[in-house]
N, C-alpha and C. Protein backbone atom coordinates (compact mmCIF):
# COMPACT_ATOMS: atom_id res chain seq x y z
N UNK A 1 195.17 171.31 59.65
CA UNK A 1 195.85 170.64 60.74
C UNK A 1 194.84 169.90 61.63
N UNK A 2 193.71 170.56 61.88
CA UNK A 2 192.68 169.96 62.70
C UNK A 2 192.14 168.69 62.05
N UNK A 3 192.04 168.66 60.74
CA UNK A 3 191.56 167.50 60.00
C UNK A 3 192.54 166.33 60.13
N UNK A 4 193.81 166.62 60.13
CA UNK A 4 194.83 165.56 60.27
C UNK A 4 194.76 164.93 61.66
N UNK A 5 194.59 165.74 62.67
CA UNK A 5 194.50 165.22 64.04
C UNK A 5 193.25 164.36 64.21
N UNK A 6 192.12 164.83 63.68
CA UNK A 6 190.88 164.06 63.77
C UNK A 6 191.02 162.75 63.00
N UNK A 7 191.65 162.79 61.83
CA UNK A 7 191.88 161.58 61.03
C UNK A 7 192.78 160.60 61.78
N UNK A 8 193.80 161.13 62.42
CA UNK A 8 194.72 160.27 63.18
C UNK A 8 193.98 159.55 64.31
N UNK A 9 193.16 160.28 65.08
CA UNK A 9 192.38 159.67 66.16
C UNK A 9 191.37 158.66 65.61
N UNK A 10 190.75 158.97 64.49
CA UNK A 10 189.80 158.06 63.87
C UNK A 10 190.48 156.75 63.48
N UNK A 11 191.65 156.81 62.85
CA UNK A 11 192.39 155.60 62.45
C UNK A 11 192.82 154.82 63.68
N UNK A 12 193.29 155.51 64.69
CA UNK A 12 193.73 154.85 65.92
C UNK A 12 192.57 154.12 66.60
N UNK A 13 191.41 154.77 66.71
CA UNK A 13 190.26 154.14 67.34
C UNK A 13 189.69 153.00 66.49
N UNK A 14 189.69 153.14 65.18
CA UNK A 14 189.19 152.07 64.31
C UNK A 14 190.05 150.84 64.42
N UNK A 15 191.37 151.00 64.47
CA UNK A 15 192.26 149.84 64.59
C UNK A 15 192.05 149.13 65.92
N UNK A 16 191.80 149.89 66.96
CA UNK A 16 191.57 149.28 68.26
C UNK A 16 190.28 148.48 68.24
N UNK A 17 189.22 149.04 67.69
CA UNK A 17 187.93 148.35 67.66
C UNK A 17 187.93 147.18 66.69
N UNK A 18 188.54 147.33 65.54
CA UNK A 18 188.55 146.26 64.56
C UNK A 18 189.37 145.06 65.02
N UNK A 19 190.35 145.29 65.90
CA UNK A 19 191.17 144.19 66.40
C UNK A 19 190.38 143.21 67.24
N UNK A 20 189.23 143.62 67.77
CA UNK A 20 188.43 142.74 68.60
C UNK A 20 187.44 141.91 67.79
N UNK A 21 187.26 142.21 66.51
CA UNK A 21 186.32 141.47 65.69
C UNK A 21 187.04 140.40 64.87
N UNK A 22 186.33 139.30 64.65
CA UNK A 22 186.87 138.25 63.79
C UNK A 22 185.72 137.65 63.00
N UNK A 23 186.06 136.87 62.01
CA UNK A 23 185.05 136.20 61.20
C UNK A 23 185.03 134.73 61.57
N UNK A 24 183.84 134.17 61.78
CA UNK A 24 183.74 132.75 62.06
C UNK A 24 183.59 131.98 60.76
N UNK A 25 183.47 130.67 60.84
CA UNK A 25 183.43 129.83 59.64
C UNK A 25 182.18 130.07 58.79
N UNK A 26 181.13 130.64 59.35
CA UNK A 26 179.90 130.91 58.60
C UNK A 26 179.96 132.24 57.87
N UNK A 27 181.04 132.97 58.02
CA UNK A 27 181.19 134.25 57.34
C UNK A 27 180.55 135.41 58.07
N UNK A 28 180.07 135.17 59.28
CA UNK A 28 179.46 136.23 60.06
C UNK A 28 180.52 136.84 60.95
N UNK A 29 180.43 138.14 61.14
CA UNK A 29 181.38 138.74 62.06
C UNK A 29 180.81 138.69 63.47
N UNK A 30 181.68 138.46 64.42
CA UNK A 30 181.25 138.39 65.80
C UNK A 30 182.36 138.93 66.68
N UNK A 31 181.99 139.40 67.81
CA UNK A 31 182.95 139.93 68.76
C UNK A 31 183.59 138.76 69.50
N UNK A 32 184.89 138.65 69.42
CA UNK A 32 185.59 137.60 70.14
C UNK A 32 186.40 138.23 71.24
N UNK A 33 186.33 137.64 72.39
CA UNK A 33 187.12 138.14 73.51
C UNK A 33 188.13 137.08 73.89
N UNK A 34 189.33 137.53 74.11
CA UNK A 34 190.36 136.60 74.56
C UNK A 34 190.39 136.64 76.07
N UNK A 35 190.48 135.50 76.66
CA UNK A 35 190.53 135.40 78.11
C UNK A 35 191.92 135.76 78.58
N UNK A 36 192.08 136.96 79.12
CA UNK A 36 193.40 137.41 79.53
C UNK A 36 193.91 136.60 80.71
N UNK A 37 193.00 136.05 81.51
CA UNK A 37 193.43 135.22 82.63
C UNK A 37 194.05 133.93 82.09
N UNK A 38 193.50 133.39 81.02
CA UNK A 38 194.02 132.16 80.41
C UNK A 38 195.46 132.35 79.94
N UNK A 39 195.77 133.52 79.39
CA UNK A 39 197.10 133.78 78.89
C UNK A 39 198.09 133.98 80.01
N UNK A 40 197.66 134.49 81.15
CA UNK A 40 198.56 134.82 82.25
C UNK A 40 198.55 133.78 83.35
N UNK A 41 198.22 132.54 83.03
CA UNK A 41 198.17 131.52 84.06
C UNK A 41 199.57 131.07 84.47
N UNK A 42 199.63 130.46 85.63
CA UNK A 42 200.89 129.99 86.18
C UNK A 42 201.61 129.03 85.25
N UNK A 43 200.88 128.13 84.60
CA UNK A 43 201.51 127.12 83.75
C UNK A 43 202.16 127.72 82.51
N UNK A 44 201.90 128.98 82.21
CA UNK A 44 202.53 129.63 81.06
C UNK A 44 203.80 130.40 81.44
N UNK A 45 204.19 130.39 82.70
CA UNK A 45 205.39 131.10 83.13
C UNK A 45 206.64 130.38 82.65
N UNK A 46 207.71 131.12 82.46
CA UNK A 46 208.98 130.54 82.01
C UNK A 46 209.74 129.88 83.16
N UNK A 47 209.63 130.42 84.35
CA UNK A 47 210.34 129.88 85.51
C UNK A 47 209.33 129.43 86.56
N UNK A 48 209.52 128.24 87.09
CA UNK A 48 208.60 127.65 88.05
C UNK A 48 209.37 127.29 89.32
N UNK A 49 208.90 127.75 90.45
CA UNK A 49 209.43 127.37 91.76
C UNK A 49 208.33 126.66 92.52
N UNK A 50 208.69 125.68 93.30
CA UNK A 50 207.67 124.96 94.04
C UNK A 50 208.17 124.44 95.37
N UNK A 51 207.25 124.35 96.32
CA UNK A 51 207.51 123.76 97.63
C UNK A 51 206.33 122.86 97.95
N UNK A 52 206.63 121.61 98.33
CA UNK A 52 205.57 120.64 98.64
C UNK A 52 205.83 119.97 99.98
N UNK A 53 204.74 119.68 100.66
CA UNK A 53 204.77 118.85 101.87
C UNK A 53 204.01 117.58 101.56
N UNK A 54 204.59 116.44 101.99
CA UNK A 54 203.96 115.19 101.61
C UNK A 54 204.02 114.13 102.69
N UNK A 55 203.56 112.97 102.29
CA UNK A 55 203.40 111.82 103.17
C UNK A 55 203.77 110.58 102.36
N UNK A 56 204.48 109.64 102.99
CA UNK A 56 204.67 108.35 102.33
C UNK A 56 204.18 107.24 103.24
N UNK A 57 203.46 106.27 102.68
CA UNK A 57 202.86 105.19 103.47
C UNK A 57 203.87 104.09 103.78
N UNK A 58 203.47 103.19 104.63
CA UNK A 58 204.28 102.03 104.99
C UNK A 58 204.08 100.95 103.93
N UNK A 59 205.00 100.88 102.98
CA UNK A 59 204.94 99.85 101.95
C UNK A 59 206.35 99.29 101.75
N UNK A 60 206.55 98.07 102.07
CA UNK A 60 207.84 97.45 101.83
C UNK A 60 208.68 97.27 103.08
N UNK A 61 209.91 96.81 102.85
CA UNK A 61 210.80 96.47 103.95
C UNK A 61 211.75 97.60 104.33
N UNK A 62 211.89 98.62 103.47
CA UNK A 62 212.86 99.69 103.73
C UNK A 62 212.50 100.46 105.00
N UNK A 63 211.21 100.82 105.14
CA UNK A 63 210.74 101.53 106.33
C UNK A 63 209.58 100.75 106.90
N UNK A 64 209.58 100.59 108.20
CA UNK A 64 208.47 99.88 108.85
C UNK A 64 207.46 100.87 109.41
N UNK A 65 207.46 102.07 108.89
CA UNK A 65 206.57 103.12 109.37
C UNK A 65 206.26 104.11 108.24
N UNK A 66 205.28 104.93 108.49
CA UNK A 66 204.98 105.99 107.53
C UNK A 66 205.94 107.16 107.74
N UNK A 67 205.89 108.14 106.84
CA UNK A 67 206.81 109.25 106.98
C UNK A 67 206.31 110.53 106.36
N UNK A 68 207.07 111.59 106.56
CA UNK A 68 206.77 112.90 106.03
C UNK A 68 207.84 113.30 105.02
N UNK A 69 207.45 114.17 104.10
CA UNK A 69 208.36 114.58 103.04
C UNK A 69 208.28 116.08 102.80
N UNK A 70 209.39 116.65 102.41
CA UNK A 70 209.45 118.05 101.99
C UNK A 70 210.23 118.13 100.69
N UNK A 71 209.72 118.86 99.72
CA UNK A 71 210.37 118.99 98.42
C UNK A 71 210.45 120.45 98.03
N UNK A 72 211.59 120.84 97.50
CA UNK A 72 211.80 122.18 96.96
C UNK A 72 212.40 122.01 95.58
N UNK A 73 211.86 122.70 94.58
CA UNK A 73 212.36 122.52 93.22
C UNK A 73 212.22 123.78 92.39
N UNK A 74 212.93 123.80 91.28
CA UNK A 74 212.88 124.90 90.32
C UNK A 74 212.98 124.32 88.92
N UNK A 75 212.21 124.91 88.00
CA UNK A 75 212.26 124.53 86.59
C UNK A 75 212.29 125.77 85.74
N UNK A 76 212.88 125.64 84.56
CA UNK A 76 212.91 126.73 83.61
C UNK A 76 212.58 126.17 82.23
N UNK A 77 211.73 126.85 81.48
CA UNK A 77 211.33 126.40 80.15
C UNK A 77 212.52 126.49 79.21
N UNK A 78 212.92 125.33 78.63
CA UNK A 78 214.03 125.32 77.67
C UNK A 78 213.53 125.21 76.24
N UNK A 79 212.27 124.87 76.06
CA UNK A 79 211.64 124.82 74.74
C UNK A 79 210.14 124.92 74.93
N UNK A 80 209.39 124.81 73.85
CA UNK A 80 207.93 124.83 73.96
C UNK A 80 207.40 123.57 74.61
N UNK A 81 208.19 122.50 74.61
CA UNK A 81 207.72 121.22 75.13
C UNK A 81 208.28 120.85 76.49
N UNK A 82 209.50 121.27 76.83
CA UNK A 82 210.16 120.76 78.03
C UNK A 82 210.65 121.86 78.96
N UNK A 83 210.68 121.51 80.25
CA UNK A 83 211.30 122.34 81.29
C UNK A 83 212.46 121.55 81.87
N UNK A 84 213.50 122.26 82.25
CA UNK A 84 214.68 121.64 82.86
C UNK A 84 214.90 122.28 84.22
N UNK A 85 215.25 121.48 85.22
CA UNK A 85 215.43 122.05 86.54
C UNK A 85 216.08 121.08 87.50
N UNK A 86 215.89 121.34 88.79
CA UNK A 86 216.45 120.51 89.86
C UNK A 86 215.40 120.33 90.95
N UNK A 87 215.62 119.30 91.76
CA UNK A 87 214.69 119.00 92.83
C UNK A 87 215.45 118.48 94.05
N UNK A 88 215.04 118.90 95.22
CA UNK A 88 215.58 118.41 96.49
C UNK A 88 214.41 117.87 97.29
N UNK A 89 214.47 116.57 97.60
CA UNK A 89 213.39 115.93 98.35
C UNK A 89 213.99 115.29 99.60
N UNK A 90 213.44 115.63 100.77
CA UNK A 90 213.89 115.07 102.04
C UNK A 90 212.72 114.29 102.63
N UNK A 91 212.94 113.01 102.92
CA UNK A 91 211.90 112.14 103.46
C UNK A 91 212.36 111.59 104.80
N UNK A 92 211.51 111.68 105.81
CA UNK A 92 211.85 111.23 107.14
C UNK A 92 210.75 110.33 107.69
N UNK A 93 211.13 109.13 108.12
CA UNK A 93 210.18 108.21 108.74
C UNK A 93 209.76 108.75 110.10
N UNK A 94 208.54 108.45 110.49
CA UNK A 94 208.00 109.02 111.73
C UNK A 94 208.46 108.25 112.97
N UNK A 95 208.34 106.92 112.98
CA UNK A 95 208.59 106.15 114.20
C UNK A 95 209.99 105.59 114.34
N UNK A 96 210.84 105.77 113.36
CA UNK A 96 212.22 105.32 113.52
C UNK A 96 213.16 106.35 112.91
N UNK A 97 214.42 106.12 112.96
CA UNK A 97 215.38 107.10 112.47
C UNK A 97 215.65 106.99 110.97
N UNK A 98 214.85 106.22 110.27
CA UNK A 98 215.06 106.05 108.83
C UNK A 98 214.64 107.26 108.03
N UNK A 99 215.19 107.36 106.87
CA UNK A 99 214.84 108.45 105.97
C UNK A 99 215.77 108.44 104.77
N UNK A 100 215.47 109.28 103.82
CA UNK A 100 216.35 109.39 102.67
C UNK A 100 216.23 110.76 102.05
N UNK A 101 217.20 111.09 101.24
CA UNK A 101 217.29 112.39 100.61
C UNK A 101 217.58 112.20 99.13
N UNK A 102 216.96 113.02 98.27
CA UNK A 102 217.23 112.99 96.83
C UNK A 102 217.55 114.40 96.37
N UNK A 103 218.62 114.55 95.60
CA UNK A 103 218.98 115.81 94.96
C UNK A 103 219.38 115.49 93.54
N UNK A 104 218.68 116.07 92.58
CA UNK A 104 219.02 115.75 91.20
C UNK A 104 218.38 116.67 90.19
N UNK A 105 218.75 116.46 88.95
CA UNK A 105 218.20 117.21 87.84
C UNK A 105 216.92 116.57 87.36
N UNK A 106 215.98 117.38 86.87
CA UNK A 106 214.70 116.87 86.39
C UNK A 106 214.39 117.46 85.01
N UNK A 107 213.75 116.67 84.20
CA UNK A 107 213.22 117.10 82.91
C UNK A 107 211.70 116.96 83.01
N UNK A 108 210.99 118.02 82.69
CA UNK A 108 209.55 118.06 82.90
C UNK A 108 208.83 118.30 81.58
N UNK A 109 207.67 117.66 81.43
CA UNK A 109 206.82 117.87 80.27
C UNK A 109 205.44 118.29 80.76
N UNK A 110 205.02 119.54 80.48
CA UNK A 110 203.67 119.96 80.88
C UNK A 110 202.63 119.42 79.90
N UNK A 111 201.81 118.51 80.37
CA UNK A 111 200.77 117.89 79.55
C UNK A 111 199.46 118.63 79.80
N UNK A 112 198.87 119.18 78.74
CA UNK A 112 197.62 119.92 78.85
C UNK A 112 196.50 119.10 78.21
N UNK A 113 195.48 118.80 79.00
CA UNK A 113 194.28 118.12 78.51
C UNK A 113 193.12 119.07 78.77
N UNK A 114 192.66 119.71 77.70
CA UNK A 114 191.69 120.79 77.77
C UNK A 114 192.22 121.87 78.71
N UNK A 115 191.57 122.11 79.85
CA UNK A 115 192.05 123.14 80.76
C UNK A 115 192.82 122.56 81.94
N UNK A 116 193.03 121.26 81.94
CA UNK A 116 193.76 120.60 83.01
C UNK A 116 195.26 120.57 82.67
N UNK A 117 196.12 120.77 83.67
CA UNK A 117 197.57 120.76 83.45
C UNK A 117 198.21 119.73 84.36
N UNK A 118 198.98 118.83 83.75
CA UNK A 118 199.77 117.83 84.46
C UNK A 118 201.23 118.06 84.12
N UNK A 119 202.11 117.89 85.09
CA UNK A 119 203.55 117.92 84.83
C UNK A 119 204.07 116.51 85.02
N UNK A 120 204.67 115.98 84.00
CA UNK A 120 205.28 114.65 84.08
C UNK A 120 206.79 114.87 84.15
N UNK A 121 207.42 114.38 85.23
CA UNK A 121 208.84 114.64 85.46
C UNK A 121 209.62 113.34 85.57
N UNK A 122 210.83 113.41 85.11
CA UNK A 122 211.78 112.33 85.29
C UNK A 122 213.13 112.95 85.59
N UNK A 123 213.93 112.26 86.38
CA UNK A 123 215.21 112.84 86.72
C UNK A 123 216.22 111.82 87.18
N UNK A 124 217.46 112.26 87.23
CA UNK A 124 218.58 111.47 87.74
C UNK A 124 219.32 112.32 88.75
N UNK A 125 219.80 111.65 89.80
CA UNK A 125 220.53 112.41 90.80
C UNK A 125 221.19 111.50 91.80
N UNK A 126 221.54 112.10 92.92
CA UNK A 126 222.17 111.38 94.01
C UNK A 126 221.22 111.33 95.18
N UNK A 127 221.30 110.23 95.91
CA UNK A 127 220.48 110.07 97.08
C UNK A 127 221.32 109.60 98.26
N UNK A 128 220.85 109.91 99.42
CA UNK A 128 221.47 109.41 100.65
C UNK A 128 220.46 108.46 101.26
N UNK A 129 220.71 107.18 101.02
CA UNK A 129 219.85 106.11 101.52
C UNK A 129 220.78 105.06 102.09
N UNK A 130 221.16 105.23 103.33
CA UNK A 130 222.14 104.32 103.94
C UNK A 130 223.53 104.51 103.33
N UNK A 131 223.77 105.56 102.65
CA UNK A 131 225.01 105.87 101.95
C UNK A 131 224.69 106.57 100.65
N UNK A 132 225.69 107.14 100.01
CA UNK A 132 225.49 107.85 98.76
C UNK A 132 225.24 106.87 97.62
N UNK A 133 224.19 107.11 96.86
CA UNK A 133 223.81 106.21 95.79
C UNK A 133 223.18 106.97 94.62
N UNK A 134 223.18 106.39 93.45
CA UNK A 134 222.49 106.96 92.27
C UNK A 134 221.00 106.68 92.40
N UNK A 135 220.22 107.66 91.96
CA UNK A 135 218.77 107.54 92.13
C UNK A 135 218.06 108.01 90.86
N UNK A 136 217.07 107.24 90.43
CA UNK A 136 216.14 107.68 89.38
C UNK A 136 214.92 108.28 90.06
N UNK A 137 214.29 109.21 89.41
CA UNK A 137 213.18 109.95 90.01
C UNK A 137 212.07 110.11 88.98
N UNK A 138 210.82 109.81 89.36
CA UNK A 138 209.66 109.99 88.49
C UNK A 138 208.55 110.65 89.30
N UNK A 139 207.79 111.50 88.62
CA UNK A 139 206.73 112.23 89.33
C UNK A 139 205.65 112.66 88.35
N UNK A 140 204.42 112.70 88.86
CA UNK A 140 203.28 113.28 88.14
C UNK A 140 202.66 114.30 89.08
N UNK A 141 202.50 115.52 88.57
CA UNK A 141 201.93 116.60 89.37
C UNK A 141 200.73 117.18 88.63
N UNK A 142 199.66 117.43 89.35
CA UNK A 142 198.43 117.98 88.79
C UNK A 142 198.16 119.34 89.44
N UNK A 143 197.94 120.36 88.62
CA UNK A 143 197.62 121.69 89.15
C UNK A 143 196.14 121.74 89.49
N UNK A 144 195.84 121.84 90.77
CA UNK A 144 194.45 121.88 91.24
C UNK A 144 193.85 123.26 90.95
N UNK A 145 194.53 124.31 91.41
CA UNK A 145 194.10 125.68 91.17
C UNK A 145 195.28 126.44 90.60
N UNK A 146 194.98 127.25 89.59
CA UNK A 146 196.00 128.07 88.95
C UNK A 146 195.59 129.52 89.06
N UNK A 147 196.53 130.34 89.47
CA UNK A 147 196.31 131.78 89.54
C UNK A 147 197.29 132.42 88.58
N UNK A 148 197.44 133.75 88.62
CA UNK A 148 198.35 134.40 87.69
C UNK A 148 199.80 133.99 87.91
N UNK A 149 200.29 134.09 89.13
CA UNK A 149 201.69 133.79 89.37
C UNK A 149 201.89 132.76 90.47
N UNK A 150 200.87 131.99 90.76
CA UNK A 150 200.98 130.93 91.74
C UNK A 150 199.98 129.82 91.43
N UNK A 151 200.18 128.69 92.08
CA UNK A 151 199.27 127.56 91.87
C UNK A 151 199.33 126.64 93.08
N UNK A 152 198.33 125.79 93.19
CA UNK A 152 198.30 124.74 94.21
C UNK A 152 198.22 123.42 93.47
N UNK A 153 199.03 122.45 93.90
CA UNK A 153 199.10 121.19 93.16
C UNK A 153 199.06 120.00 94.10
N UNK A 154 198.83 118.85 93.50
CA UNK A 154 198.95 117.57 94.20
C UNK A 154 199.82 116.69 93.32
N UNK A 155 200.67 115.88 93.95
CA UNK A 155 201.60 115.08 93.16
C UNK A 155 201.87 113.74 93.83
N UNK A 156 202.39 112.83 93.02
CA UNK A 156 202.89 111.56 93.51
C UNK A 156 204.26 111.35 92.87
N UNK A 157 205.25 111.01 93.70
CA UNK A 157 206.61 110.85 93.20
C UNK A 157 207.21 109.54 93.70
N UNK A 158 208.20 109.08 92.98
CA UNK A 158 208.84 107.80 93.27
C UNK A 158 210.34 107.92 93.05
N UNK A 159 211.12 107.51 94.04
CA UNK A 159 212.57 107.43 93.93
C UNK A 159 212.97 105.97 93.75
N UNK A 160 213.93 105.72 92.86
CA UNK A 160 214.39 104.36 92.59
C UNK A 160 215.91 104.33 92.78
N UNK A 161 216.39 104.00 93.99
CA UNK A 161 217.83 103.96 94.22
C UNK A 161 218.49 102.80 93.47
N UNK A 162 219.63 103.11 92.86
CA UNK A 162 220.41 102.13 92.08
C UNK A 162 219.58 101.45 91.01
N UNK A 163 218.41 102.01 90.71
CA UNK A 163 217.52 101.52 89.65
C UNK A 163 217.11 100.06 89.85
N UNK A 164 217.07 99.60 91.11
CA UNK A 164 216.70 98.20 91.34
C UNK A 164 215.69 98.01 92.46
N UNK A 165 215.33 99.04 93.21
CA UNK A 165 214.29 98.89 94.24
C UNK A 165 213.48 100.17 94.31
N UNK A 166 212.24 100.03 94.71
CA UNK A 166 211.34 101.18 94.82
C UNK A 166 211.24 101.64 96.26
N UNK A 167 211.35 102.93 96.45
CA UNK A 167 211.10 103.51 97.76
C UNK A 167 209.59 103.75 97.87
N UNK A 168 209.09 104.02 99.07
CA UNK A 168 207.65 104.30 99.20
C UNK A 168 207.26 105.52 98.37
N UNK A 169 206.11 105.48 97.67
CA UNK A 169 205.68 106.64 96.90
C UNK A 169 205.31 107.80 97.82
N UNK A 170 205.66 109.01 97.43
CA UNK A 170 205.39 110.20 98.21
C UNK A 170 204.21 110.94 97.59
N UNK A 171 203.17 111.17 98.39
CA UNK A 171 201.99 111.90 97.96
C UNK A 171 202.07 113.27 98.60
N UNK A 172 202.06 114.33 97.77
CA UNK A 172 202.32 115.69 98.27
C UNK A 172 201.29 116.68 97.80
N UNK A 173 201.17 117.75 98.57
CA UNK A 173 200.41 118.92 98.15
C UNK A 173 201.39 120.08 98.14
N UNK A 174 201.32 120.90 97.08
CA UNK A 174 202.34 121.92 96.93
C UNK A 174 201.80 123.31 96.66
N UNK A 175 202.64 124.27 96.98
CA UNK A 175 202.40 125.68 96.65
C UNK A 175 203.49 126.06 95.66
N UNK A 176 203.07 126.50 94.49
CA UNK A 176 204.00 126.81 93.42
C UNK A 176 203.99 128.31 93.16
N UNK A 177 205.15 128.85 92.94
CA UNK A 177 205.26 130.30 92.70
C UNK A 177 206.30 130.59 91.66
C-alpha cells in the first residue's frame, strides 16, 4: 500500500514538472514559462464596461466653442473577433447652450499589434442634435495601461448625424472595468 501511495505522488509530481518543459525547434529542452499576467489582461475579458471624459475642439459651424464630453458604454464578446454593445455619449458646449447626445449600438473589433491593443468601433443609433435624428458613430480607442480587470485608455470618436455632416471629434481618456 505504501508503494502505491509513493508511486501516485511520484506520477503526480512528474506530470506537474513535465508540463513546464517544452522542446524548441533545435530539439533542446528548455523551461518555458507562460506569462500569467498576459493571459489575465483586461483585453481578454468577455464583458467590458467603460467610462470616459473628453473634450471636443471648436471645428465647424455647429458649435462656436469647445466642449466637454462624457461617455458610458458596455461591450460583450460575441465571437473571437467581435464585441457587441451599446454606448451613451453626452457632449456639452462650454460657452453656449449647444450640445448633443448619442445613444446607440456598437460593434467593436479588438485589433492587437504585438502587445498593443486598439478597439475599432462603429455603431448606429439615435441622437438629439436640435431634434431626434439618426446618427452614425465611429471610434478608435487605444489601451494605454492594462491591468487584470481594469485599463486606462485614450480614444477619438466621431458622430455623423443623418450621415451627411460631421460633428466635432471627441478626444477622451477613459477608465475601463
